[in-house]
């Protein structure tokens, strides 16, 4: 089960405990958030729980900052997080290029 717990190396223990205790998924079956299939239909239950979660953004930030490769975090699948990260990196690169020209 410990392999399903988030990597919290970049966050203080208090900050991590805070969003964990306030998350809608607290007490849920972890298998819901780590579906075996990449088919988005299998993630729909987890995404529905995340949709109304007050700490969704904190969980998403955590997943991106810690490069969580698996599971539904902050209402996003791994594929969606990867696209979001790529767009952010591309925007930062464009900004640096524009600034240096």
N, C-alpha and C. Protein backbone atom coordinates (compact mmCIF):
# COMPACT_ATOMS: atom_id res chain seq x y z
N UNK A 1 0.82 -1.20 0.00
CA UNK A 1 0.00 0.00 0.00
C UNK A 1 0.86 1.26 0.00
N UNK A 2 2.04 1.19 0.60
CA UNK A 2 2.89 2.39 0.68
C UNK A 2 3.28 2.91 -0.70
N UNK A 3 3.34 2.03 -1.70
CA UNK A 3 3.67 2.51 -3.04
C UNK A 3 2.57 3.37 -3.64
N UNK A 4 1.37 3.35 -3.07
CA UNK A 4 0.28 4.17 -3.56
C UNK A 4 0.23 5.52 -2.87
N UNK A 5 0.96 5.67 -1.78
CA UNK A 5 0.96 6.95 -1.08
C UNK A 5 1.80 7.95 -1.85
N UNK A 6 1.43 9.21 -1.78
CA UNK A 6 2.14 10.22 -2.56
C UNK A 6 3.57 10.43 -2.08
N UNK A 7 4.40 10.80 -3.02
CA UNK A 7 5.77 11.18 -2.72
C UNK A 7 5.72 12.60 -2.17
N UNK A 8 6.10 12.78 -0.93
CA UNK A 8 5.96 14.09 -0.28
C UNK A 8 7.30 14.74 0.01
N UNK A 9 8.33 14.37 -0.73
CA UNK A 9 9.67 14.87 -0.43
C UNK A 9 9.79 16.38 -0.54
N UNK A 10 8.98 17.03 -1.36
CA UNK A 10 9.08 18.47 -1.56
C UNK A 10 8.14 19.28 -0.68
N UNK A 11 7.36 18.63 0.15
CA UNK A 11 6.39 19.34 0.98
C UNK A 11 6.66 19.09 2.45
N UNK A 12 6.33 20.08 3.25
CA UNK A 12 6.46 19.87 4.69
C UNK A 12 5.42 18.85 5.12
N UNK A 13 5.70 18.18 6.21
CA UNK A 13 4.78 17.18 6.73
C UNK A 13 3.42 17.79 7.07
N UNK A 14 3.42 18.98 7.64
CA UNK A 14 2.17 19.65 8.02
C UNK A 14 1.34 20.00 6.79
N UNK A 15 1.98 20.50 5.74
CA UNK A 15 1.25 20.88 4.52
C UNK A 15 0.64 19.65 3.86
N UNK A 16 1.39 18.57 3.81
CA UNK A 16 0.89 17.34 3.20
C UNK A 16 -0.28 16.79 4.01
N UNK A 17 -0.14 16.74 5.31
CA UNK A 17 -1.21 16.21 6.17
C UNK A 17 -2.47 17.06 6.03
N UNK A 18 -2.29 18.36 5.88
CA UNK A 18 -3.42 19.26 5.76
C UNK A 18 -4.29 18.91 4.56
N UNK A 19 -3.71 18.83 3.36
CA UNK A 19 -4.56 18.53 2.20
C UNK A 19 -5.04 17.09 2.20
N UNK A 20 -4.28 16.20 2.76
CA UNK A 20 -4.76 14.81 2.85
C UNK A 20 -6.00 14.72 3.72
N UNK A 21 -6.01 15.45 4.82
CA UNK A 21 -7.14 15.39 5.74
C UNK A 21 -8.37 16.12 5.24
N UNK A 22 -8.22 17.02 4.30
CA UNK A 22 -9.35 17.78 3.78
C UNK A 22 -9.86 17.27 2.44
N UNK A 23 -9.19 16.29 1.87
CA UNK A 23 -9.55 15.79 0.54
C UNK A 23 -10.85 15.00 0.54
N UNK A 24 -11.61 15.14 -0.52
CA UNK A 24 -12.85 14.37 -0.68
C UNK A 24 -12.59 12.87 -0.74
N UNK A 25 -11.40 12.50 -1.17
CA UNK A 25 -11.09 11.09 -1.35
C UNK A 25 -10.65 10.40 -0.06
N UNK A 26 -10.55 11.15 1.03
CA UNK A 26 -10.14 10.57 2.31
C UNK A 26 -11.04 9.39 2.65
N UNK A 27 -10.45 8.24 2.86
CA UNK A 27 -11.21 7.04 3.20
C UNK A 27 -11.72 6.26 2.00
N UNK A 28 -11.48 6.78 0.79
CA UNK A 28 -11.91 6.07 -0.42
C UNK A 28 -10.97 4.92 -0.73
N UNK A 29 -11.44 4.01 -1.54
CA UNK A 29 -10.62 2.90 -2.00
C UNK A 29 -9.55 3.44 -2.96
N UNK A 30 -8.26 3.26 -2.66
CA UNK A 30 -7.19 3.77 -3.53
C UNK A 30 -7.28 3.24 -4.96
N UNK A 31 -7.84 2.04 -5.14
CA UNK A 31 -7.96 1.48 -6.49
C UNK A 31 -8.80 2.37 -7.40
N UNK A 32 -9.70 3.13 -6.82
CA UNK A 32 -10.52 4.06 -7.60
C UNK A 32 -9.65 5.11 -8.27
N UNK A 33 -8.59 5.53 -7.59
CA UNK A 33 -7.74 6.60 -8.08
C UNK A 33 -6.52 6.10 -8.83
N UNK A 34 -6.35 4.79 -8.86
CA UNK A 34 -5.25 4.19 -9.59
C UNK A 34 -5.79 3.07 -10.47
N UNK A 35 -6.64 3.43 -11.46
CA UNK A 35 -7.24 2.41 -12.32
C UNK A 35 -6.15 1.72 -13.16
N UNK A 36 -6.34 0.44 -13.39
CA UNK A 36 -5.35 -0.32 -14.16
C UNK A 36 -5.35 0.07 -15.63
N UNK A 37 -6.48 0.48 -16.14
CA UNK A 37 -6.59 0.84 -17.55
C UNK A 37 -6.35 2.33 -17.74
N UNK A 38 -5.77 2.70 -18.88
CA UNK A 38 -5.59 4.12 -19.21
C UNK A 38 -6.85 4.71 -19.84
N UNK A 39 -7.83 3.86 -20.08
CA UNK A 39 -9.09 4.32 -20.65
C UNK A 39 -9.77 5.26 -19.67
N UNK A 40 -10.06 6.47 -20.11
CA UNK A 40 -10.62 7.51 -19.24
C UNK A 40 -11.94 7.08 -18.58
N UNK A 41 -12.67 6.18 -19.22
CA UNK A 41 -13.94 5.72 -18.64
C UNK A 41 -13.73 5.06 -17.29
N UNK A 42 -12.58 4.42 -17.10
CA UNK A 42 -12.31 3.75 -15.84
C UNK A 42 -11.95 4.73 -14.73
N UNK A 43 -11.62 5.96 -15.10
CA UNK A 43 -11.25 6.98 -14.12
C UNK A 43 -12.42 7.87 -13.75
N UNK A 44 -13.57 7.66 -14.35
CA UNK A 44 -14.69 8.59 -14.17
C UNK A 44 -15.13 8.72 -12.72
N UNK A 45 -15.10 7.64 -11.94
CA UNK A 45 -15.51 7.72 -10.54
C UNK A 45 -14.55 8.61 -9.74
N UNK A 46 -13.26 8.43 -9.97
CA UNK A 46 -12.27 9.26 -9.29
C UNK A 46 -12.40 10.72 -9.70
N UNK A 47 -12.57 10.97 -10.97
CA UNK A 47 -12.70 12.34 -11.46
C UNK A 47 -13.94 13.02 -10.87
N UNK A 48 -15.00 12.26 -10.66
CA UNK A 48 -16.22 12.82 -10.06
C UNK A 48 -15.97 13.22 -8.61
N UNK A 49 -15.20 12.43 -7.88
CA UNK A 49 -14.87 12.76 -6.49
C UNK A 49 -14.02 14.03 -6.47
N UNK A 50 -13.05 14.11 -7.36
CA UNK A 50 -12.14 15.26 -7.41
C UNK A 50 -12.85 16.56 -7.80
N UNK A 51 -13.83 16.44 -8.65
CA UNK A 51 -14.50 17.62 -9.21
C UNK A 51 -14.95 18.61 -8.13
N UNK A 52 -15.43 18.10 -7.00
CA UNK A 52 -15.98 18.96 -5.94
C UNK A 52 -15.03 19.11 -4.75
N UNK A 53 -13.79 18.68 -4.91
CA UNK A 53 -12.84 18.69 -3.80
C UNK A 53 -12.25 20.09 -3.61
N UNK A 54 -12.22 20.53 -2.36
CA UNK A 54 -11.70 21.86 -2.04
C UNK A 54 -10.18 21.94 -2.11
N UNK A 55 -9.50 20.81 -2.05
CA UNK A 55 -8.03 20.83 -2.11
C UNK A 55 -7.51 20.24 -3.42
N UNK A 56 -8.37 20.23 -4.41
CA UNK A 56 -8.01 19.68 -5.72
C UNK A 56 -6.75 20.34 -6.29
N UNK A 57 -6.65 21.65 -6.20
CA UNK A 57 -5.48 22.34 -6.74
C UNK A 57 -4.21 21.97 -6.00
N UNK A 58 -4.30 21.81 -4.69
CA UNK A 58 -3.13 21.39 -3.90
C UNK A 58 -2.66 20.01 -4.32
N UNK A 59 -3.61 19.13 -4.54
CA UNK A 59 -3.27 17.76 -4.95
C UNK A 59 -2.66 17.75 -6.34
N UNK A 60 -3.20 18.57 -7.23
CA UNK A 60 -2.64 18.66 -8.58
C UNK A 60 -1.22 19.24 -8.54
N UNK A 61 -1.03 20.29 -7.77
CA UNK A 61 0.31 20.87 -7.61
C UNK A 61 1.29 19.81 -7.09
N UNK A 62 0.84 19.06 -6.10
CA UNK A 62 1.69 18.01 -5.54
C UNK A 62 2.10 17.00 -6.63
N UNK A 63 1.13 16.57 -7.41
CA UNK A 63 1.40 15.56 -8.44
C UNK A 63 2.39 16.07 -9.48
N UNK A 64 2.23 17.32 -9.88
CA UNK A 64 3.13 17.88 -10.89
C UNK A 64 4.52 18.12 -10.31
N UNK A 65 4.58 18.69 -9.13
CA UNK A 65 5.88 18.98 -8.49
C UNK A 65 6.67 17.71 -8.19
N UNK A 66 5.98 16.63 -7.91
CA UNK A 66 6.64 15.37 -7.55
C UNK A 66 6.64 14.36 -8.69
N UNK A 67 6.23 14.80 -9.87
CA UNK A 67 6.24 13.96 -11.06
C UNK A 67 5.55 12.61 -10.82
N UNK A 68 4.35 12.69 -10.23
CA UNK A 68 3.55 11.48 -10.00
C UNK A 68 3.13 10.94 -11.38
N UNK A 69 3.57 9.76 -11.69
CA UNK A 69 3.30 9.18 -13.01
C UNK A 69 2.01 8.38 -13.08
N UNK A 70 1.46 8.03 -11.94
CA UNK A 70 0.29 7.17 -11.92
C UNK A 70 -0.83 7.79 -11.09
N UNK A 71 -2.04 7.41 -11.40
CA UNK A 71 -3.18 7.78 -10.58
C UNK A 71 -3.82 9.10 -10.95
N UNK A 72 -5.02 9.27 -10.42
CA UNK A 72 -5.78 10.49 -10.59
C UNK A 72 -5.40 11.42 -9.46
N UNK A 73 -4.92 12.60 -9.78
CA UNK A 73 -4.50 13.59 -8.79
C UNK A 73 -5.10 14.93 -9.18
N UNK A 74 -5.77 15.57 -8.27
CA UNK A 74 -6.30 16.90 -8.53
C UNK A 74 -7.26 16.94 -9.71
N UNK A 75 -7.95 15.85 -9.92
CA UNK A 75 -8.94 15.80 -11.00
C UNK A 75 -8.33 15.62 -12.39
N UNK A 76 -7.10 15.14 -12.45
CA UNK A 76 -6.47 14.94 -13.76
C UNK A 76 -5.82 13.56 -13.85
N UNK A 77 -5.92 12.99 -15.02
CA UNK A 77 -5.26 11.72 -15.30
C UNK A 77 -3.77 11.99 -15.54
N UNK A 78 -2.94 10.94 -15.52
CA UNK A 78 -1.52 11.15 -15.82
C UNK A 78 -1.30 11.80 -17.19
N UNK A 79 -2.09 11.40 -18.16
CA UNK A 79 -1.95 11.96 -19.50
C UNK A 79 -2.27 13.46 -19.52
N UNK A 80 -3.33 13.84 -18.81
CA UNK A 80 -3.71 15.26 -18.75
C UNK A 80 -2.65 16.08 -18.02
N UNK A 81 -2.09 15.52 -16.95
CA UNK A 81 -1.02 16.23 -16.22
C UNK A 81 0.21 16.41 -17.09
N UNK A 82 0.51 15.40 -17.87
CA UNK A 82 1.68 15.47 -18.76
C UNK A 82 1.50 16.58 -19.79
N UNK A 83 0.31 16.67 -20.36
CA UNK A 83 0.02 17.74 -21.33
C UNK A 83 0.10 19.11 -20.66
N UNK A 84 -0.45 19.23 -19.46
CA UNK A 84 -0.42 20.48 -18.73
C UNK A 84 1.02 20.89 -18.44
N UNK A 85 1.83 19.95 -18.00
CA UNK A 85 3.23 20.23 -17.71
C UNK A 85 3.97 20.66 -18.97
N UNK A 86 3.69 19.97 -20.06
CA UNK A 86 4.35 20.29 -21.34
C UNK A 86 3.97 21.70 -21.79
N UNK A 87 2.68 22.06 -21.68
CA UNK A 87 2.25 23.41 -22.07
C UNK A 87 2.93 24.46 -21.21
N UNK A 88 3.03 24.19 -19.91
CA UNK A 88 3.66 25.13 -19.00
C UNK A 88 5.13 25.31 -19.34
N UNK A 89 5.82 24.21 -19.61
CA UNK A 89 7.23 24.27 -19.98
C UNK A 89 7.40 25.02 -21.29
N UNK A 90 6.55 24.76 -22.26
CA UNK A 90 6.63 25.46 -23.54
C UNK A 90 6.39 26.96 -23.37
N UNK A 91 5.45 27.33 -22.52
CA UNK A 91 5.16 28.74 -22.28
C UNK A 91 6.36 29.42 -21.61
N UNK A 92 6.98 28.74 -20.67
CA UNK A 92 8.16 29.30 -20.00
C UNK A 92 9.31 29.48 -20.98
N UNK A 93 9.49 28.50 -21.86
CA UNK A 93 10.55 28.59 -22.87
C UNK A 93 10.28 29.74 -23.82
N UNK A 94 9.03 29.88 -24.28
CA UNK A 94 8.69 30.98 -25.18
C UNK A 94 8.94 32.32 -24.51
N UNK A 95 8.61 32.41 -23.22
CA UNK A 95 8.82 33.64 -22.46
C UNK A 95 10.32 33.97 -22.39
N UNK A 96 11.16 32.98 -22.12
CA UNK A 96 12.61 33.22 -22.04
C UNK A 96 13.16 33.65 -23.39
N UNK A 97 12.71 33.03 -24.47
CA UNK A 97 13.18 33.37 -25.82
C UNK A 97 12.77 34.79 -26.16
N UNK A 98 11.52 35.12 -25.88
CA UNK A 98 11.01 36.47 -26.18
C UNK A 98 11.76 37.52 -25.36
N UNK A 99 12.02 37.22 -24.12
CA UNK A 99 12.69 38.15 -23.22
C UNK A 99 14.13 38.40 -23.67
N UNK A 100 14.80 37.38 -24.20
CA UNK A 100 16.19 37.54 -24.60
C UNK A 100 16.34 38.15 -25.99
N UNK A 101 15.27 38.27 -26.76
CA UNK A 101 15.39 38.85 -28.11
C UNK A 101 15.28 40.34 -28.10
